[in-house]
């Protein structure tokens, strides 16, 4: 369903068609982002929210520079309609592969989400490396460094 707004671009490359298709394609994007983000936040323990969110954003943002490079290369080699046909086919194939995953198909409704229980953090272990310290300890008082240098 996510690739349906792009199908007309495989038949026509006019600016009006591109604007309408892009509008409907981007109209669906916030809905998907909200659903995925809400589920991730609901099932992730509070103390891991920042790590999971940053890892998710890193993974999704890392591939963004590849899109214009690949798109430009395909446009140069194949032209607009062939490039859009490849994009639609790849998007449909990816949607089909992901939809065939049992874990994705079995995501419960939001009313059935179980909130992640707050996990107690593990107690700090003494460092086994020399020269390291527990970052929760206060820094030692070093006095005035300029006076120690004799200035």
N, C-alpha and C. Protein backbone atom coordinates (compact mmCIF):
# COMPACT_ATOMS: atom_id res chain seq x y z
N UNK A 1 0.82 -1.19 0.00
CA UNK A 1 0.00 0.00 0.00
C UNK A 1 0.87 1.25 0.00
N UNK A 2 2.06 1.18 0.60
CA UNK A 2 2.91 2.36 0.70
C UNK A 2 3.43 2.81 -0.65
N UNK A 3 3.45 1.93 -1.64
CA UNK A 3 3.97 2.31 -2.95
C UNK A 3 2.87 2.72 -3.92
N UNK A 4 1.60 2.61 -3.54
CA UNK A 4 0.51 2.95 -4.46
C UNK A 4 0.55 4.40 -4.93
N UNK A 5 0.87 5.38 -4.06
CA UNK A 5 0.91 6.76 -4.57
C UNK A 5 1.98 6.98 -5.63
N UNK A 6 2.96 6.09 -5.73
CA UNK A 6 4.04 6.26 -6.70
C UNK A 6 3.75 5.61 -8.05
N UNK A 7 2.76 4.76 -8.15
CA UNK A 7 2.48 4.02 -9.38
C UNK A 7 2.23 4.95 -10.57
N UNK A 8 1.46 6.05 -10.43
CA UNK A 8 1.28 6.92 -11.60
C UNK A 8 2.58 7.50 -12.16
N UNK A 9 3.61 7.59 -11.36
CA UNK A 9 4.89 8.11 -11.85
C UNK A 9 5.59 7.15 -12.79
N UNK A 10 5.18 5.90 -12.79
CA UNK A 10 5.77 4.95 -13.75
C UNK A 10 5.18 5.14 -15.14
N UNK A 11 4.05 5.85 -15.23
CA UNK A 11 3.38 6.07 -16.52
C UNK A 11 3.56 7.48 -17.06
N UNK A 12 3.71 8.44 -16.17
CA UNK A 12 3.83 9.83 -16.59
C UNK A 12 4.85 10.54 -15.72
N UNK A 13 5.63 11.40 -16.31
CA UNK A 13 6.64 12.12 -15.53
C UNK A 13 6.38 13.62 -15.50
N UNK A 14 5.14 14.02 -15.73
CA UNK A 14 4.81 15.44 -15.71
C UNK A 14 4.88 16.02 -14.31
N UNK A 15 5.11 17.33 -14.20
CA UNK A 15 5.22 17.97 -12.88
C UNK A 15 3.95 17.86 -12.04
N UNK A 16 2.78 17.95 -12.66
CA UNK A 16 1.53 17.86 -11.90
C UNK A 16 1.37 16.47 -11.30
N UNK A 17 1.67 15.45 -12.09
CA UNK A 17 1.57 14.07 -11.60
C UNK A 17 2.58 13.86 -10.47
N UNK A 18 3.79 14.38 -10.64
CA UNK A 18 4.82 14.23 -9.60
C UNK A 18 4.39 14.92 -8.31
N UNK A 19 3.80 16.10 -8.41
CA UNK A 19 3.35 16.83 -7.20
C UNK A 19 2.25 16.07 -6.47
N UNK A 20 1.26 15.60 -7.22
CA UNK A 20 0.13 14.88 -6.59
C UNK A 20 0.63 13.57 -5.95
N UNK A 21 1.46 12.84 -6.68
CA UNK A 21 1.97 11.57 -6.14
C UNK A 21 2.82 11.79 -4.90
N UNK A 22 3.68 12.80 -4.95
CA UNK A 22 4.53 13.10 -3.80
C UNK A 22 3.69 13.53 -2.61
N UNK A 23 2.63 14.32 -2.84
CA UNK A 23 1.75 14.75 -1.76
C UNK A 23 1.15 13.54 -1.05
N UNK A 24 0.58 12.61 -1.81
CA UNK A 24 -0.06 11.46 -1.18
C UNK A 24 0.95 10.50 -0.56
N UNK A 25 2.13 10.39 -1.17
CA UNK A 25 3.17 9.55 -0.58
C UNK A 25 3.63 10.12 0.76
N UNK A 26 3.86 11.43 0.82
CA UNK A 26 4.32 12.06 2.06
C UNK A 26 3.21 12.19 3.09
N UNK A 27 1.96 12.14 2.65
CA UNK A 27 0.83 12.18 3.58
C UNK A 27 0.80 10.93 4.46
N UNK A 28 1.26 9.81 3.92
CA UNK A 28 1.27 8.55 4.66
C UNK A 28 2.46 8.44 5.62
N UNK A 29 3.53 9.17 5.36
CA UNK A 29 4.76 9.04 6.12
C UNK A 29 4.60 9.35 7.61
N UNK A 30 3.97 10.46 8.01
CA UNK A 30 3.84 10.74 9.46
C UNK A 30 3.02 9.69 10.20
N UNK A 31 2.06 9.11 9.52
CA UNK A 31 1.25 8.07 10.17
C UNK A 31 2.12 6.86 10.52
N UNK A 32 2.93 6.44 9.59
CA UNK A 32 3.83 5.31 9.84
C UNK A 32 4.85 5.64 10.92
N UNK A 33 5.44 6.83 10.84
CA UNK A 33 6.42 7.23 11.86
C UNK A 33 5.80 7.27 13.25
N UNK A 34 4.59 7.80 13.35
CA UNK A 34 3.93 7.88 14.67
C UNK A 34 3.64 6.49 15.22
N UNK A 35 3.18 5.59 14.38
CA UNK A 35 2.88 4.24 14.83
C UNK A 35 4.13 3.49 15.28
N UNK A 36 5.18 3.56 14.46
CA UNK A 36 6.42 2.87 14.80
C UNK A 36 7.05 3.47 16.05
N UNK A 37 7.10 4.80 16.11
CA UNK A 37 7.70 5.47 17.28
C UNK A 37 6.92 5.19 18.56
N UNK A 38 5.60 5.21 18.48
CA UNK A 38 4.78 4.95 19.67
C UNK A 38 4.99 3.53 20.19
N UNK A 39 5.01 2.57 19.28
CA UNK A 39 5.21 1.18 19.70
C UNK A 39 6.59 1.00 20.32
N UNK A 40 7.61 1.59 19.69
CA UNK A 40 8.97 1.48 20.21
C UNK A 40 9.07 2.08 21.61
N UNK A 41 8.44 3.23 21.81
CA UNK A 41 8.48 3.86 23.13
C UNK A 41 7.71 3.07 24.18
N UNK A 42 6.63 2.43 23.75
CA UNK A 42 5.81 1.67 24.71
C UNK A 42 6.50 0.41 25.18
N UNK A 43 7.29 -0.22 24.34
CA UNK A 43 7.89 -1.50 24.72
C UNK A 43 9.34 -1.36 25.21
N UNK A 44 9.88 -0.15 25.16
CA UNK A 44 11.27 0.07 25.59
C UNK A 44 11.27 0.58 27.04
N UNK A 45 12.06 -0.03 27.92
CA UNK A 45 12.14 0.47 29.30
C UNK A 45 12.64 1.92 29.32
N UNK A 46 12.19 2.66 30.33
CA UNK A 46 12.50 4.09 30.41
C UNK A 46 14.00 4.37 30.37
N UNK A 47 14.79 3.57 31.05
CA UNK A 47 16.22 3.86 31.11
C UNK A 47 16.94 3.58 29.79
N UNK A 48 16.27 2.94 28.83
CA UNK A 48 16.88 2.66 27.53
C UNK A 48 16.28 3.51 26.41
N UNK A 49 15.34 4.40 26.72
CA UNK A 49 14.66 5.19 25.69
C UNK A 49 15.65 5.96 24.82
N UNK A 50 16.60 6.66 25.43
CA UNK A 50 17.55 7.47 24.67
C UNK A 50 18.42 6.62 23.76
N UNK A 51 18.89 5.50 24.28
CA UNK A 51 19.77 4.64 23.48
C UNK A 51 19.04 4.04 22.30
N UNK A 52 17.82 3.55 22.54
CA UNK A 52 17.06 2.93 21.46
C UNK A 52 16.67 3.97 20.42
N UNK A 53 16.26 5.14 20.87
CA UNK A 53 15.89 6.20 19.94
C UNK A 53 17.08 6.65 19.10
N UNK A 54 18.22 6.84 19.74
CA UNK A 54 19.39 7.29 18.98
C UNK A 54 19.88 6.20 18.02
N UNK A 55 19.82 4.94 18.41
CA UNK A 55 20.22 3.86 17.51
C UNK A 55 19.27 3.77 16.31
N UNK A 56 17.99 3.95 16.56
CA UNK A 56 17.02 3.92 15.47
C UNK A 56 17.23 5.08 14.51
N UNK A 57 17.44 6.27 15.06
CA UNK A 57 17.68 7.43 14.20
C UNK A 57 19.00 7.29 13.44
N UNK A 58 20.02 6.77 14.09
CA UNK A 58 21.31 6.58 13.41
C UNK A 58 21.16 5.63 12.23
N UNK A 59 20.45 4.52 12.45
CA UNK A 59 20.29 3.54 11.37
C UNK A 59 19.51 4.13 10.21
N UNK A 60 18.45 4.88 10.50
CA UNK A 60 17.65 5.42 9.41
C UNK A 60 18.33 6.59 8.72
N UNK A 61 19.04 7.41 9.47
CA UNK A 61 19.71 8.57 8.87
C UNK A 61 21.00 8.19 8.13
N UNK A 62 21.59 7.06 8.47
CA UNK A 62 22.84 6.65 7.84
C UNK A 62 22.68 6.35 6.36
N UNK A 63 21.53 5.84 5.98
CA UNK A 63 21.33 5.48 4.58
C UNK A 63 20.78 6.63 3.74
N UNK A 64 20.40 7.72 4.38
CA UNK A 64 19.83 8.85 3.63
C UNK A 64 20.75 9.41 2.55
N UNK A 65 22.04 9.54 2.78
CA UNK A 65 22.89 10.07 1.71
C UNK A 65 22.99 9.16 0.48
N UNK A 66 22.66 7.89 0.65
CA UNK A 66 22.74 6.97 -0.48
C UNK A 66 21.59 7.16 -1.48
N UNK A 67 20.44 7.65 -1.01
CA UNK A 67 19.27 7.80 -1.88
C UNK A 67 19.52 8.75 -3.04
N UNK A 68 20.01 9.98 -2.82
CA UNK A 68 20.25 10.85 -3.97
C UNK A 68 21.32 10.31 -4.92
N UNK A 69 22.31 9.64 -4.36
CA UNK A 69 23.36 9.08 -5.22
C UNK A 69 22.79 7.99 -6.11
N UNK A 70 22.07 7.05 -5.51
CA UNK A 70 21.47 5.96 -6.28
C UNK A 70 20.42 6.50 -7.24
N UNK A 71 19.57 7.42 -6.78
CA UNK A 71 18.54 7.99 -7.65
C UNK A 71 19.13 8.73 -8.83
N UNK A 72 20.16 9.52 -8.59
CA UNK A 72 20.80 10.24 -9.68
C UNK A 72 21.45 9.31 -10.68
N UNK A 73 22.08 8.27 -10.19
CA UNK A 73 22.73 7.31 -11.07
C UNK A 73 21.69 6.59 -11.94
N UNK A 74 20.59 6.17 -11.30
CA UNK A 74 19.54 5.48 -12.06
C UNK A 74 18.89 6.43 -13.07
N UNK A 75 18.64 7.67 -12.68
CA UNK A 75 18.04 8.63 -13.61
C UNK A 75 18.95 8.87 -14.81
N UNK A 76 20.23 8.97 -14.56
CA UNK A 76 21.18 9.19 -15.65
C UNK A 76 21.23 7.99 -16.59
N UNK A 77 21.22 6.79 -16.04
CA UNK A 77 21.37 5.58 -16.85
C UNK A 77 20.07 5.15 -17.52
N UNK A 78 18.94 5.24 -16.79
CA UNK A 78 17.69 4.64 -17.27
C UNK A 78 16.59 5.62 -17.63
N UNK A 79 16.64 6.83 -17.10
CA UNK A 79 15.56 7.78 -17.33
C UNK A 79 14.54 7.74 -16.20
N UNK A 80 13.60 8.68 -16.24
CA UNK A 80 12.65 8.88 -15.14
C UNK A 80 11.67 7.75 -14.93
N UNK A 81 11.00 7.31 -15.99
CA UNK A 81 9.96 6.30 -15.82
C UNK A 81 10.54 4.94 -15.41
N UNK A 82 11.67 4.58 -15.96
CA UNK A 82 12.29 3.31 -15.56
C UNK A 82 12.78 3.37 -14.12
N UNK A 83 13.34 4.52 -13.73
CA UNK A 83 13.80 4.67 -12.34
C UNK A 83 12.63 4.59 -11.38
N UNK A 84 11.51 5.23 -11.72
CA UNK A 84 10.33 5.16 -10.85
C UNK A 84 9.77 3.74 -10.80
N UNK A 85 9.81 3.04 -11.92
CA UNK A 85 9.34 1.64 -11.92
C UNK A 85 10.19 0.79 -10.99
N UNK A 86 11.50 1.01 -11.00
CA UNK A 86 12.39 0.28 -10.10
C UNK A 86 12.09 0.64 -8.65
N UNK A 87 11.88 1.94 -8.38
CA UNK A 87 11.55 2.39 -7.02
C UNK A 87 10.25 1.75 -6.52
N UNK A 88 9.23 1.77 -7.35
CA UNK A 88 7.94 1.18 -6.96
C UNK A 88 8.10 -0.32 -6.73
N UNK A 89 8.81 -1.00 -7.61
CA UNK A 89 9.01 -2.44 -7.46
C UNK A 89 9.79 -2.77 -6.19
N UNK A 90 10.85 -2.01 -5.92
CA UNK A 90 11.64 -2.25 -4.71
C UNK A 90 10.83 -1.97 -3.45
N UNK A 91 10.03 -0.90 -3.48
CA UNK A 91 9.20 -0.57 -2.33
C UNK A 91 8.16 -1.65 -2.09
N UNK A 92 7.52 -2.13 -3.15
CA UNK A 92 6.52 -3.20 -3.02
C UNK A 92 7.17 -4.49 -2.52
N UNK A 93 8.34 -4.82 -3.05
CA UNK A 93 9.04 -6.03 -2.61
C UNK A 93 9.42 -5.94 -1.14
N UNK A 94 9.94 -4.79 -0.73
CA UNK A 94 10.30 -4.61 0.68
C UNK A 94 9.07 -4.71 1.58
N UNK A 95 7.96 -4.10 1.16
CA UNK A 95 6.72 -4.20 1.95
C UNK A 95 6.24 -5.64 2.04
N UNK A 96 6.38 -6.37 0.96
CA UNK A 96 5.96 -7.79 0.95
C UNK A 96 6.85 -8.62 1.87
N UNK A 97 8.15 -8.41 1.80
CA UNK A 97 9.08 -9.17 2.65
C UNK A 97 8.83 -8.86 4.13
N UNK A 98 8.69 -7.58 4.45
CA UNK A 98 8.46 -7.21 5.85
C UNK A 98 7.10 -7.69 6.34
N UNK A 99 6.09 -7.66 5.47
CA UNK A 99 4.76 -8.12 5.88
C UNK A 99 4.71 -9.62 6.08
N UNK A 100 5.64 -10.34 5.48
CA UNK A 100 5.65 -11.80 5.67
C UNK A 100 6.30 -12.20 6.99
N UNK A 101 6.88 -11.25 7.69
CA UNK A 101 7.50 -11.54 8.99
C UNK A 101 6.42 -11.73 10.05
N UNK A 102 6.48 -12.84 10.73
CA UNK A 102 5.48 -13.15 11.75
C UNK A 102 5.52 -12.14 12.89
N UNK A 103 6.73 -11.67 13.27
CA UNK A 103 6.82 -10.72 14.38
C UNK A 103 6.22 -9.37 14.02
N UNK A 104 6.29 -8.97 12.76
CA UNK A 104 5.67 -7.71 12.35
C UNK A 104 4.17 -7.86 12.23
N UNK A 105 3.71 -8.97 11.69
CA UNK A 105 2.26 -9.20 11.56
C UNK A 105 1.58 -9.36 12.91
N UNK A 106 2.32 -9.74 13.94
CA UNK A 106 1.70 -10.01 15.24
C UNK A 106 1.83 -8.84 16.22
N UNK A 107 2.19 -7.64 15.74
CA UNK A 107 2.25 -6.48 16.63
C UNK A 107 0.82 -6.21 17.12
N UNK A 108 0.62 -6.14 18.42
CA UNK A 108 -0.74 -5.95 18.94
C UNK A 108 -1.26 -4.53 18.70
N UNK A 109 -2.56 -4.37 18.91
CA UNK A 109 -3.18 -3.05 18.82
C UNK A 109 -2.65 -2.18 19.96
N UNK A 110 -2.65 -0.85 19.79
CA UNK A 110 -2.15 0.02 20.86
C UNK A 110 -2.82 -0.21 22.21
N UNK A 111 -4.09 -0.57 22.22
CA UNK A 111 -4.78 -0.81 23.48
C UNK A 111 -4.27 -2.06 24.19
N UNK A 112 -3.55 -2.92 23.46
CA UNK A 112 -3.03 -4.16 24.03
C UNK A 112 -1.53 -4.11 24.33
N UNK A 113 -0.89 -2.97 24.06
CA UNK A 113 0.54 -2.86 24.31
C UNK A 113 0.82 -2.97 25.79
N UNK A 114 1.83 -3.71 26.12
CA UNK A 114 2.26 -3.85 27.51
C UNK A 114 3.41 -2.88 27.71
N UNK A 115 3.25 -1.98 28.66
CA UNK A 115 4.29 -0.99 28.93
C UNK A 115 5.49 -1.72 29.52
N UNK A 116 6.66 -1.40 29.03
CA UNK A 116 7.89 -2.02 29.53
C UNK A 116 8.06 -1.68 31.00
N UNK A 117 8.34 -2.68 31.79
CA UNK A 117 8.56 -2.48 33.22
C UNK A 117 9.91 -1.81 33.44
N UNK A 118 9.96 -0.94 34.39
CA UNK A 118 11.22 -0.26 34.71
C UNK A 118 12.20 -1.31 35.23
N UNK A 119 13.30 -1.44 34.56
CA UNK A 119 14.31 -2.41 34.93
C UNK A 119 15.30 -1.76 35.89
N UNK A 120 15.60 -2.41 37.01
CA UNK A 120 16.62 -1.84 37.88
C UNK A 120 17.98 -1.91 37.19
N UNK A 121 18.75 -0.86 37.35
CA UNK A 121 20.07 -0.86 36.74
C UNK A 121 21.01 -1.71 37.56
N UNK A 122 21.93 -2.34 36.88
CA UNK A 122 22.90 -3.19 37.55
C UNK A 122 23.81 -2.35 38.44
N UNK A 123 24.19 -2.85 39.60
CA UNK A 123 25.10 -2.08 40.45
C UNK A 123 26.44 -1.91 39.76
N UNK A 124 27.08 -0.81 40.08
CA UNK A 124 28.37 -0.51 39.46
C UNK A 124 29.41 -1.53 39.90
N UNK A 125 30.20 -1.99 38.96
CA UNK A 125 31.28 -2.92 39.26
C UNK A 125 32.57 -2.13 39.37
N UNK A 126 33.46 -2.55 40.24
CA UNK A 126 34.75 -1.87 40.27
C UNK A 126 35.46 -2.08 38.94
N UNK A 127 36.16 -1.09 38.52
CA UNK A 127 36.85 -1.15 37.24
C UNK A 127 38.02 -2.12 37.33
N UNK A 128 38.16 -2.92 36.28
CA UNK A 128 39.28 -3.85 36.26
C UNK A 128 40.43 -3.30 35.39
N UNK A 129 40.27 -2.08 34.88
CA UNK A 129 41.32 -1.46 34.09
C UNK A 129 41.97 -0.37 34.93
N UNK A 130 43.27 -0.32 34.90
CA UNK A 130 43.96 0.72 35.65
C UNK A 130 43.79 2.05 34.93
N UNK A 131 43.67 3.11 35.70
CA UNK A 131 43.55 4.44 35.13
C UNK A 131 42.12 4.85 34.83
N UNK A 132 41.15 3.99 35.11
CA UNK A 132 39.76 4.38 34.90
C UNK A 132 39.09 4.53 36.24
N UNK A 133 38.01 5.28 36.24
CA UNK A 133 37.30 5.48 37.49
C UNK A 133 35.81 5.48 37.21
N UNK A 134 35.03 5.33 38.25
CA UNK A 134 33.59 5.38 38.15
C UNK A 134 33.20 6.84 37.93
N UNK A 135 32.46 7.11 36.86
CA UNK A 135 32.11 8.48 36.52
C UNK A 135 31.13 9.11 37.50
N UNK A 136 30.55 8.31 38.38
CA UNK A 136 29.63 8.86 39.38
C UNK A 136 30.37 9.42 40.58
N UNK A 137 31.67 9.12 40.71
CA UNK A 137 32.45 9.64 41.82
C UNK A 137 32.84 11.08 41.54
N UNK A 138 32.89 11.93 42.56
CA UNK A 138 33.31 13.32 42.33
C UNK A 138 34.79 13.36 41.96
N UNK A 139 35.15 14.40 41.20
CA UNK A 139 36.54 14.58 40.82
C UNK A 139 37.36 14.97 42.05
N UNK A 140 38.61 14.52 42.12
CA UNK A 140 39.45 14.91 43.26
C UNK A 140 39.81 16.39 43.15
N UNK A 141 40.00 17.03 44.31
CA UNK A 141 40.38 18.44 44.34
C UNK A 141 41.86 18.54 43.98
N UNK A 142 42.16 19.21 42.89
CA UNK A 142 43.53 19.33 42.43
C UNK A 142 44.17 20.65 42.85
N UNK A 143 43.43 21.46 43.54
CA UNK A 143 43.97 22.76 43.95
C UNK A 143 44.03 23.71 42.77
N UNK A 144 44.84 24.73 42.89
CA UNK A 144 44.99 25.72 41.85
C UNK A 144 46.11 25.29 40.91
N UNK A 145 45.80 24.92 39.66
CA UNK A 145 46.84 24.42 38.76
C UNK A 145 47.89 25.50 38.41
N UNK A 146 47.51 26.78 38.37
CA UNK A 146 48.49 27.80 38.06
C UNK A 146 49.52 27.96 39.17
N UNK A 147 49.07 27.85 40.42
CA UNK A 147 50.01 27.96 41.54
C UNK A 147 50.97 26.76 41.53
N UNK A 148 50.48 25.59 41.15
CA UNK A 148 51.33 24.42 41.11
C UNK A 148 52.39 24.52 40.02
N UNK A 149 52.10 25.28 38.97
CA UNK A 149 53.09 25.49 37.90
C UNK A 149 54.11 26.57 38.25
N UNK A 150 53.90 27.25 39.38
CA UNK A 150 54.83 28.29 39.82
C UNK A 150 54.56 29.64 39.18
N UNK A 151 53.36 29.88 38.73
CA UNK A 151 53.06 31.19 38.13
C UNK A 151 52.32 32.06 39.08
